[in-house]
N, C-alpha and C. Protein backbone atom coordinates (compact mmCIF):
# COMPACT_ATOMS: atom_id res chain seq x y z
N MET A 1 1.34 -1.19 0.19
CA MET A 1 -0.06 -0.36 0.23
C MET A 1 1.31 1.00 -0.01
N CYS A 2 0.80 2.33 -0.90
CA CYS A 2 1.29 3.37 -0.59
C CYS A 2 0.45 4.64 0.11
N LEU A 3 1.21 5.83 0.51
CA LEU A 3 -0.06 6.13 1.20
C LEU A 3 -0.97 7.00 0.19
N THR A 4 -1.53 7.08 -0.67
CA THR A 4 -2.08 7.75 -1.43
C THR A 4 -3.09 6.63 -2.19
N GLU A 5 -3.25 5.72 -1.78
CA GLU A 5 -4.59 4.77 -1.34
C GLU A 5 -4.87 4.45 0.31
N LYS A 6 -6.06 4.76 -0.08
CA LYS A 6 -6.87 4.41 0.89
C LYS A 6 -6.93 3.24 2.08
N PRO A 7 -6.55 3.00 3.21
CA PRO A 7 -6.71 2.31 3.88
C PRO A 7 -8.16 1.17 3.92
N MET A 8 -8.62 0.27 4.56
CA MET A 8 -9.48 -0.62 4.55
C MET A 8 -10.30 -0.24 5.60
N ASP A 9 -11.27 0.72 5.22
CA ASP A 9 -12.47 0.39 6.09
C ASP A 9 -12.54 0.45 7.63
N ILE A 10 -12.49 0.93 8.83
CA ILE A 10 -12.15 0.41 9.84
C ILE A 10 -12.57 -0.55 10.69
N LYS A 11 -14.02 -0.82 10.44
CA LYS A 11 -15.43 -1.42 10.34
C LYS A 11 -14.51 -3.15 10.29
N GLN A 12 -14.36 -2.74 8.66
CA GLN A 12 -14.51 -4.28 7.96
C GLN A 12 -13.04 -4.78 8.21
N LEU A 13 -12.18 -3.87 8.34
CA LEU A 13 -10.71 -4.73 9.51
C LEU A 13 -11.10 -5.33 10.83
N ASP A 14 -11.98 -4.74 11.13
CA ASP A 14 -12.19 -5.15 12.83
C ASP A 14 -12.82 -6.17 12.39
N MET A 15 -13.59 -6.85 11.54
CA MET A 15 -13.94 -8.12 10.76
C MET A 15 -13.53 -8.76 10.33
N TYR A 16 -12.70 -7.78 9.65
CA TYR A 16 -11.58 -9.09 8.99
C TYR A 16 -10.74 -9.53 10.10
N ILE A 17 -9.93 -9.21 11.15
CA ILE A 17 -9.52 -9.45 11.94
C ILE A 17 -10.03 -10.39 12.91
N GLN A 18 -11.53 -10.64 13.45
CA GLN A 18 -12.35 -11.08 13.93
C GLN A 18 -11.95 -11.99 13.12
N LYS A 19 -12.46 -12.49 12.10
CA LYS A 19 -12.80 -14.16 10.99
C LYS A 19 -11.78 -14.36 11.44
N ASN A 20 -10.37 -14.29 11.21
CA ASN A 20 -9.02 -14.33 10.55
C ASN A 20 -7.61 -14.49 11.28
N LYS A 21 -8.54 -13.93 12.30
CA LYS A 21 -7.63 -13.76 13.46
C LYS A 21 -5.89 -13.37 13.02
N ARG A 22 -5.89 -12.46 12.22
CA ARG A 22 -4.80 -11.92 11.74
C ARG A 22 -5.07 -10.29 10.80
N LEU A 23 -3.86 -9.73 10.57
CA LEU A 23 -3.96 -8.10 9.60
C LEU A 23 -4.14 -8.88 8.15
N PRO A 24 -4.20 -8.34 7.69
CA PRO A 24 -5.03 -8.53 6.29
C PRO A 24 -3.27 -8.70 5.26
N GLY A 25 -2.82 -9.18 4.90
CA GLY A 25 -1.71 -9.03 4.35
C GLY A 25 -1.19 -10.30 4.95
N PHE A 26 -1.55 -11.51 6.64
CA PHE A 26 -0.07 -11.58 6.82
C PHE A 26 -1.27 -12.86 6.41
N GLU A 27 0.27 -14.19 6.85
CA GLU A 27 -0.73 -15.24 7.15
C GLU A 27 -0.28 -15.23 7.97
N SER A 28 -1.30 -16.86 8.63
CA SER A 28 -1.79 -17.04 9.76
C SER A 28 0.05 -17.31 10.11
N ALA A 29 -0.26 -17.36 12.06
CA ALA A 29 1.21 -18.51 12.66
C ALA A 29 1.68 -19.27 12.10
N LYS A 30 0.83 -20.31 12.12
CA LYS A 30 0.74 -21.37 11.73
C LYS A 30 2.06 -21.68 10.64
N PHE A 31 0.98 -21.23 9.44
CA PHE A 31 1.97 -20.93 8.09
C PHE A 31 3.06 -20.57 8.33
N TYR A 32 3.97 -19.68 9.28
CA TYR A 32 5.19 -18.77 9.44
C TYR A 32 5.86 -20.41 9.87
N GLU A 33 4.66 -20.95 10.43
CA GLU A 33 5.23 -21.51 11.69
C GLU A 33 6.21 -22.71 10.90
N GLU A 34 4.91 -23.26 9.62
CA GLU A 34 5.43 -24.20 9.00
C GLU A 34 6.43 -24.38 8.09
N HIS A 35 6.31 -22.97 7.37
CA HIS A 35 6.70 -22.67 5.82
C HIS A 35 8.36 -21.39 6.44
N GLY A 36 8.33 -20.90 7.56
CA GLY A 36 9.34 -20.07 7.63
C GLY A 36 8.37 -18.59 7.28
N MET A 37 9.66 -17.40 7.35
CA MET A 37 9.44 -16.10 6.94
C MET A 37 10.56 -15.87 6.03
N ASN A 38 9.61 -14.58 5.18
CA ASN A 38 11.03 -13.91 4.20
C ASN A 38 11.47 -12.72 5.38
N LEU A 39 11.69 -12.01 5.95
CA LEU A 39 12.27 -10.99 7.35
C LEU A 39 12.35 -9.81 5.87
N ASN A 40 12.34 -10.11 4.68
CA ASN A 40 11.93 -8.67 4.12
C ASN A 40 10.85 -8.53 3.63
N ASP A 41 10.15 -9.63 3.37
CA ASP A 41 8.74 -9.23 2.98
C ASP A 41 7.74 -8.36 4.24
N ILE A 42 8.20 -9.44 5.71
CA ILE A 42 7.32 -8.78 6.80
C ILE A 42 7.95 -7.52 6.86
N ILE A 43 9.22 -6.94 6.87
CA ILE A 43 9.44 -5.87 7.28
C ILE A 43 8.29 -4.99 6.33
N ILE A 44 8.46 -4.94 4.98
CA ILE A 44 7.35 -4.31 4.37
C ILE A 44 5.76 -4.61 4.91
N LYS A 45 5.07 -5.49 5.01
CA LYS A 45 4.12 -5.69 4.91
C LYS A 45 4.21 -4.81 6.99
N GLN A 46 4.99 -4.59 7.38
CA GLN A 46 5.11 -4.12 8.61
C GLN A 46 4.75 -2.48 8.57
N GLN A 47 5.65 -2.01 7.02
CA GLN A 47 5.95 -0.95 7.56
C GLN A 47 4.10 -0.38 6.54
N GLU A 48 3.61 -1.34 5.97
CA GLU A 48 2.84 -0.97 5.42
C GLU A 48 1.61 -0.56 5.82
N LYS A 49 1.57 -1.85 7.59
CA LYS A 49 0.63 -1.14 8.31
C LYS A 49 0.50 -0.18 9.10
N ILE A 50 1.72 0.37 9.59
CA ILE A 50 2.22 1.20 9.97
C ILE A 50 1.52 2.54 9.60
N GLU A 51 2.00 2.77 7.96
CA GLU A 51 1.12 3.80 6.94
C GLU A 51 0.01 3.71 6.88
N GLU A 52 -0.93 3.00 7.51
CA GLU A 52 -2.27 2.82 7.55
C GLU A 52 -2.95 3.05 9.18
N ILE A 53 -2.03 2.87 9.93
CA ILE A 53 -2.63 3.21 10.90
C ILE A 53 -2.30 5.09 11.18
N PHE A 54 -1.21 5.44 10.55
CA PHE A 54 -0.97 6.92 10.55
C PHE A 54 -2.18 7.40 9.46
N LEU A 55 -3.27 6.87 8.62
CA LEU A 55 -3.98 7.09 8.05
C LEU A 55 -5.23 6.99 9.40
N TYR A 56 -5.02 6.13 9.75
CA TYR A 56 -6.15 6.08 9.96
C TYR A 56 -6.36 7.23 11.47
N LEU A 57 -4.97 7.06 11.66
CA LEU A 57 -4.99 8.46 13.12
C LEU A 57 -5.38 9.60 12.92
N ILE A 58 -4.78 10.08 11.53
CA ILE A 58 -5.28 11.42 10.70
C ILE A 58 -6.85 11.06 9.82
N GLU A 59 -7.10 10.68 9.99
CA GLU A 59 -9.13 10.36 9.60
C GLU A 59 -9.23 10.72 11.40
N LEU A 60 -8.70 10.09 11.97
CA LEU A 60 -9.58 10.33 13.39
C LEU A 60 -9.11 11.59 13.82
N LYS A 61 -8.29 12.08 14.11
CA LYS A 61 -8.40 13.61 14.16
C LYS A 61 -9.48 14.15 13.33
N LYS A 62 -9.20 14.60 12.09
CA LYS A 62 -10.04 14.93 11.11
C LYS A 62 -11.18 15.38 12.24
N GLU A 63 -12.05 13.90 12.05
CA GLU A 63 -13.14 14.05 13.07
C GLU A 63 -13.00 14.08 14.18
N ASN A 64 -11.84 14.11 15.16
CA ASN A 64 -12.57 14.83 16.24
C ASN A 64 -12.54 15.93 15.98
N GLU A 65 -11.68 16.56 14.89
CA GLU A 65 -12.04 18.44 15.53
C GLU A 65 -13.36 18.74 14.77
N LEU A 66 -13.88 17.69 14.05
CA LEU A 66 -15.26 18.10 13.19
C LEU A 66 -16.42 18.02 13.90
N LEU A 67 -15.90 17.31 14.79
CA LEU A 67 -17.31 16.68 16.90
C LEU A 67 -16.91 18.02 17.11
N LYS A 68 -15.56 18.25 17.80
CA LYS A 68 -15.47 19.74 18.79
C LYS A 68 -15.72 21.06 17.80
N THR A 69 -15.82 21.46 16.49
CA THR A 69 -16.80 22.08 16.33
C THR A 69 -17.71 22.43 16.18
N GLU A 70 -18.38 21.56 15.93
CA GLU A 70 -19.71 21.05 16.12
C GLU A 70 -20.17 21.18 17.01
N LEU A 71 -19.17 20.85 18.69
CA LEU A 71 -20.11 21.16 20.36
C LEU A 71 -20.08 22.37 20.14
N ASN A 72 -18.88 23.32 20.21
CA ASN A 72 -18.80 24.46 20.26
C ASN A 72 -19.72 25.33 19.91
N GLN A 73 -20.37 24.75 18.85
CA GLN A 73 -21.42 25.81 17.95
C GLN A 73 -23.23 25.14 18.93
N LEU A 74 -22.74 24.22 19.02
CA LEU A 74 -23.94 23.99 20.35
C LEU A 74 -24.26 24.52 21.29
N LYS A 75 -22.69 24.29 22.13
CA LYS A 75 -22.96 24.95 23.22
C LYS A 75 -23.13 26.74 23.34
N ASN A 76 -22.58 27.36 22.44
CA ASN A 76 -22.71 28.68 21.42
C ASN A 76 -23.99 28.65 21.43
N LYS A 77 -24.85 28.69 21.54
CA LYS A 77 -26.29 27.94 21.06
C LYS A 77 -26.94 29.02 21.73
């Protein structure tokens, strides 16, 4: 994933994790136990997930600021 891509909707991500017991883009722990892991691939996937987290945080910050503004407007009525 690059920064221009929008991450999976947080609700969809939650459902995916509950169903699959892992983050999208990763195999199950059992898979890695049986087949090993390519450290370079894991690092790349981890970096992608870090980028997704930052995009989620930015989205939440914007939503939070909007809610603060709306709350202040309601208080000032």
